[in-house]
Amino acid sequence: MFWDNNQNCPKRAEEIAAKYGAKTKSFQCNATNANAVKIAVDTVVKEFNDRLDVFIASAGIPELNVYG
């Protein structure tokens, strides 16, 4: 799990791992910086035995009112 501002992400990753028995990690990453994203993805691939099975890009901005 990548995160920038959500300080709860590391704890949430641990909760998901405990609940589902999955290997999870969280990485702080500035999604607006392409180089930071590349470094984060490369780190994930390395830590997960050269695999990245699923990547969901969701840098949501909930306070943005796009509907007017």
N, C-alpha and C. Protein backbone atom coordinates (compact mmCIF):
# COMPACT_ATOMS: atom_id res chain seq x y z
N MET A 1 0.84 -1.16 0.00
CA MET A 1 0.00 0.00 0.00
C MET A 1 0.90 1.23 0.00
N PHE A 2 0.65 2.13 -0.93
CA PHE A 2 1.38 3.39 -0.97
C PHE A 2 0.54 4.46 -0.28
N TRP A 3 1.19 5.35 0.40
CA TRP A 3 0.47 6.43 1.07
C TRP A 3 1.35 7.66 1.13
N ASP A 4 0.69 8.80 1.21
CA ASP A 4 1.40 10.07 1.34
C ASP A 4 0.97 10.75 2.64
N ASN A 5 -0.30 11.05 2.76
CA ASN A 5 -0.79 11.81 3.92
C ASN A 5 -1.51 10.96 4.97
N ASN A 6 -1.94 9.77 4.62
CA ASN A 6 -2.73 8.96 5.54
C ASN A 6 -1.81 8.16 6.46
N GLN A 7 -1.60 8.68 7.65
CA GLN A 7 -0.70 8.05 8.61
C GLN A 7 -1.22 6.70 9.12
N ASN A 8 -2.48 6.38 8.85
CA ASN A 8 -3.06 5.11 9.30
C ASN A 8 -2.74 3.95 8.37
N CYS A 9 -2.16 4.23 7.24
CA CYS A 9 -1.93 3.19 6.24
C CYS A 9 -1.06 2.03 6.76
N PRO A 10 0.05 2.28 7.45
CA PRO A 10 0.83 1.13 7.95
C PRO A 10 0.02 0.22 8.88
N LYS A 11 -0.78 0.83 9.75
CA LYS A 11 -1.62 0.04 10.65
C LYS A 11 -2.67 -0.74 9.86
N ARG A 12 -3.25 -0.11 8.86
CA ARG A 12 -4.27 -0.77 8.04
C ARG A 12 -3.67 -1.95 7.27
N ALA A 13 -2.45 -1.80 6.79
CA ALA A 13 -1.77 -2.90 6.09
C ALA A 13 -1.60 -4.09 7.04
N GLU A 14 -1.24 -3.82 8.29
CA GLU A 14 -1.10 -4.89 9.28
C GLU A 14 -2.44 -5.56 9.57
N GLU A 15 -3.51 -4.78 9.64
CA GLU A 15 -4.84 -5.33 9.89
C GLU A 15 -5.26 -6.25 8.75
N ILE A 16 -5.01 -5.84 7.51
CA ILE A 16 -5.36 -6.66 6.35
C ILE A 16 -4.56 -7.95 6.36
N ALA A 17 -3.28 -7.86 6.68
CA ALA A 17 -2.43 -9.05 6.75
C ALA A 17 -2.96 -10.03 7.79
N ALA A 18 -3.33 -9.51 8.96
CA ALA A 18 -3.83 -10.37 10.03
C ALA A 18 -5.17 -11.00 9.68
N LYS A 19 -6.05 -10.22 9.08
CA LYS A 19 -7.40 -10.71 8.77
C LYS A 19 -7.40 -11.74 7.64
N TYR A 20 -6.59 -11.50 6.59
CA TYR A 20 -6.64 -12.36 5.41
C TYR A 20 -5.43 -13.25 5.24
N GLY A 21 -4.45 -13.14 6.12
CA GLY A 21 -3.25 -13.96 6.00
C GLY A 21 -2.41 -13.61 4.79
N ALA A 22 -2.52 -12.37 4.34
CA ALA A 22 -1.78 -11.93 3.16
C ALA A 22 -0.52 -11.19 3.58
N LYS A 23 0.49 -11.22 2.74
CA LYS A 23 1.69 -10.43 2.99
C LYS A 23 1.41 -9.01 2.51
N THR A 24 1.49 -8.07 3.41
CA THR A 24 1.25 -6.67 3.05
C THR A 24 2.38 -5.80 3.58
N LYS A 25 2.57 -4.69 2.93
CA LYS A 25 3.54 -3.68 3.37
C LYS A 25 2.97 -2.33 2.97
N SER A 26 3.42 -1.31 3.65
CA SER A 26 3.02 0.03 3.25
C SER A 26 4.27 0.86 3.01
N PHE A 27 4.18 1.73 2.02
CA PHE A 27 5.30 2.56 1.62
C PHE A 27 4.81 3.99 1.47
N GLN A 28 5.48 4.91 2.12
CA GLN A 28 5.13 6.32 1.94
C GLN A 28 5.66 6.77 0.59
N CYS A 29 4.81 7.43 -0.19
CA CYS A 29 5.18 7.82 -1.54
C CYS A 29 4.36 9.04 -1.97
N ASN A 30 5.02 10.01 -2.56
CA ASN A 30 4.34 11.18 -3.11
C ASN A 30 3.88 10.84 -4.53
N ALA A 31 2.58 10.62 -4.70
CA ALA A 31 2.05 10.19 -6.00
C ALA A 31 2.16 11.24 -7.08
N THR A 32 2.49 12.48 -6.73
CA THR A 32 2.66 13.52 -7.74
C THR A 32 4.09 13.58 -8.27
N ASN A 33 4.96 12.74 -7.75
CA ASN A 33 6.36 12.72 -8.16
C ASN A 33 6.64 11.40 -8.87
N ALA A 34 6.77 11.44 -10.19
CA ALA A 34 6.94 10.22 -10.99
C ALA A 34 8.15 9.40 -10.54
N ASN A 35 9.24 10.06 -10.21
CA ASN A 35 10.43 9.33 -9.78
C ASN A 35 10.20 8.63 -8.44
N ALA A 36 9.48 9.28 -7.53
CA ALA A 36 9.17 8.67 -6.24
C ALA A 36 8.28 7.44 -6.43
N VAL A 37 7.33 7.52 -7.35
CA VAL A 37 6.46 6.37 -7.64
C VAL A 37 7.27 5.23 -8.23
N LYS A 38 8.17 5.53 -9.15
CA LYS A 38 9.02 4.49 -9.75
C LYS A 38 9.86 3.80 -8.68
N ILE A 39 10.46 4.58 -7.81
CA ILE A 39 11.28 4.00 -6.74
C ILE A 39 10.42 3.12 -5.83
N ALA A 40 9.23 3.59 -5.48
CA ALA A 40 8.34 2.82 -4.62
C ALA A 40 7.93 1.50 -5.28
N VAL A 41 7.56 1.55 -6.55
CA VAL A 41 7.17 0.34 -7.26
C VAL A 41 8.35 -0.62 -7.37
N ASP A 42 9.52 -0.11 -7.70
CA ASP A 42 10.71 -0.97 -7.77
C ASP A 42 10.99 -1.63 -6.42
N THR A 43 10.79 -0.90 -5.34
CA THR A 43 11.00 -1.45 -4.00
C THR A 43 10.00 -2.56 -3.71
N VAL A 44 8.75 -2.34 -4.08
CA VAL A 44 7.72 -3.36 -3.88
C VAL A 44 8.07 -4.63 -4.64
N VAL A 45 8.43 -4.48 -5.89
CA VAL A 45 8.77 -5.64 -6.72
C VAL A 45 9.92 -6.42 -6.08
N LYS A 46 10.93 -5.71 -5.63
CA LYS A 46 12.08 -6.36 -5.00
C LYS A 46 11.67 -7.09 -3.72
N GLU A 47 10.85 -6.45 -2.89
CA GLU A 47 10.44 -7.05 -1.62
C GLU A 47 9.50 -8.23 -1.78
N PHE A 48 8.80 -8.29 -2.91
CA PHE A 48 7.86 -9.38 -3.15
C PHE A 48 8.40 -10.35 -4.20
N ASN A 49 9.70 -10.64 -4.12
CA ASN A 49 10.33 -11.66 -4.97
C ASN A 49 10.16 -11.41 -6.45
N ASP A 50 10.41 -10.18 -6.86
CA ASP A 50 10.33 -9.77 -8.27
C ASP A 50 8.95 -9.95 -8.88
N ARG A 51 7.91 -9.78 -8.07
CA ARG A 51 6.54 -9.90 -8.56
C ARG A 51 5.71 -8.71 -8.11
N LEU A 52 4.83 -8.31 -8.98
CA LEU A 52 3.80 -7.33 -8.64
C LEU A 52 2.54 -7.81 -9.36
N ASP A 53 1.69 -8.52 -8.63
CA ASP A 53 0.52 -9.15 -9.24
C ASP A 53 -0.62 -8.18 -9.48
N VAL A 54 -0.80 -7.21 -8.59
CA VAL A 54 -1.91 -6.26 -8.71
C VAL A 54 -1.40 -4.88 -8.33
N PHE A 55 -1.78 -3.88 -9.12
CA PHE A 55 -1.45 -2.49 -8.79
C PHE A 55 -2.70 -1.66 -9.07
N ILE A 56 -3.21 -1.04 -8.05
CA ILE A 56 -4.38 -0.18 -8.19
C ILE A 56 -3.96 1.24 -7.86
N ALA A 57 -4.04 2.11 -8.83
CA ALA A 57 -3.66 3.51 -8.62
C ALA A 57 -4.91 4.29 -8.21
N SER A 58 -4.92 4.74 -6.98
CA SER A 58 -6.07 5.47 -6.47
C SER A 58 -5.59 6.58 -5.54
N ALA A 59 -5.20 7.68 -6.12
CA ALA A 59 -4.76 8.83 -5.33
C ALA A 59 -5.95 9.76 -5.17
N GLY A 60 -7.00 9.25 -4.56
CA GLY A 60 -8.26 9.97 -4.44
C GLY A 60 -8.14 11.27 -3.68
N ILE A 61 -8.96 12.22 -4.08
CA ILE A 61 -9.02 13.52 -3.42
C ILE A 61 -10.48 13.71 -3.01
N PRO A 62 -10.87 13.21 -1.83
CA PRO A 62 -12.29 13.22 -1.46
C PRO A 62 -12.89 14.60 -1.28
N GLU A 63 -12.08 15.61 -0.97
CA GLU A 63 -12.66 16.93 -0.75
C GLU A 63 -12.90 17.70 -2.05
N LEU A 64 -12.51 17.14 -3.17
CA LEU A 64 -12.72 17.78 -4.46
C LEU A 64 -14.16 17.54 -4.92
N ASN A 65 -14.91 18.58 -5.20
CA ASN A 65 -16.29 18.45 -5.63
C ASN A 65 -16.34 18.60 -7.14
N VAL A 66 -16.27 17.47 -7.85
CA VAL A 66 -16.25 17.52 -9.31
C VAL A 66 -17.65 17.59 -9.92
N TYR A 67 -18.69 17.39 -9.10
CA TYR A 67 -20.04 17.38 -9.63
C TYR A 67 -20.80 18.68 -9.38
N GLY A 68 -20.11 19.65 -8.83
CA GLY A 68 -20.64 20.90 -8.76
C GLY A 68 -21.38 21.66 -7.87
